[in-house]
């Protein structure tokens, strides 16, 4: 304030006119961020970052779950008792008692030798030297499948198939349908022996 008054006096002497004092306002104080404000800013940035990472992770997990749900599942083997529910066998009246037996061929893959066995429907046969026992439960000349139902569309041998069970060493190793002269990925799978249906005999013959 003293410097301001002295300046006004000198200016008045120089100009010969009285000069009023000029009050110069002080500059507004410089505002600095306190330590608390800085900490709050850091926390806010950290929170936003964490939320972003969590959102990305949630989207990624959701995408993985959808891919897993859409992944196709492999069907279980038809012959090796892979069905969740037991199949329903329906023998039509037109087929009952009309077929006597099924001829089964057993091939020894190692020696290349093959033998045929005529197995009556409902009975079984032991394969010498193999430990295998083959039983024929049913025979359908015109096999069809409708959901869980296995039956025959007619008595004509259009698609002959035999329901077969194979035991080895007293343990059932196969249960399914073998088709006449038709290879199937669900046939009896064994490292040494192959079993196929090579014929069938009508009743009365």
Foldseek 3Di string as FASTA:
>chain_A
DVVQVVVQVVVCVVVVHHDDGDDDDDDDDDDDDDPVNVVVVVVVVVVVVVVVVVVVVVVVVVVVVVVVVPDDDDQDQAKQPRDPDAAAEDEDPQAPQFFFWFKKKKAFPVVRDIDIDTAGAQGWDDDPPFQKIKHWPDKEQAWDDDPSYIYHPHNHNPKIKTFMWMDGNNHTRTTHIATAPDDDPNADDDPTMGMHTDGTGTPPD
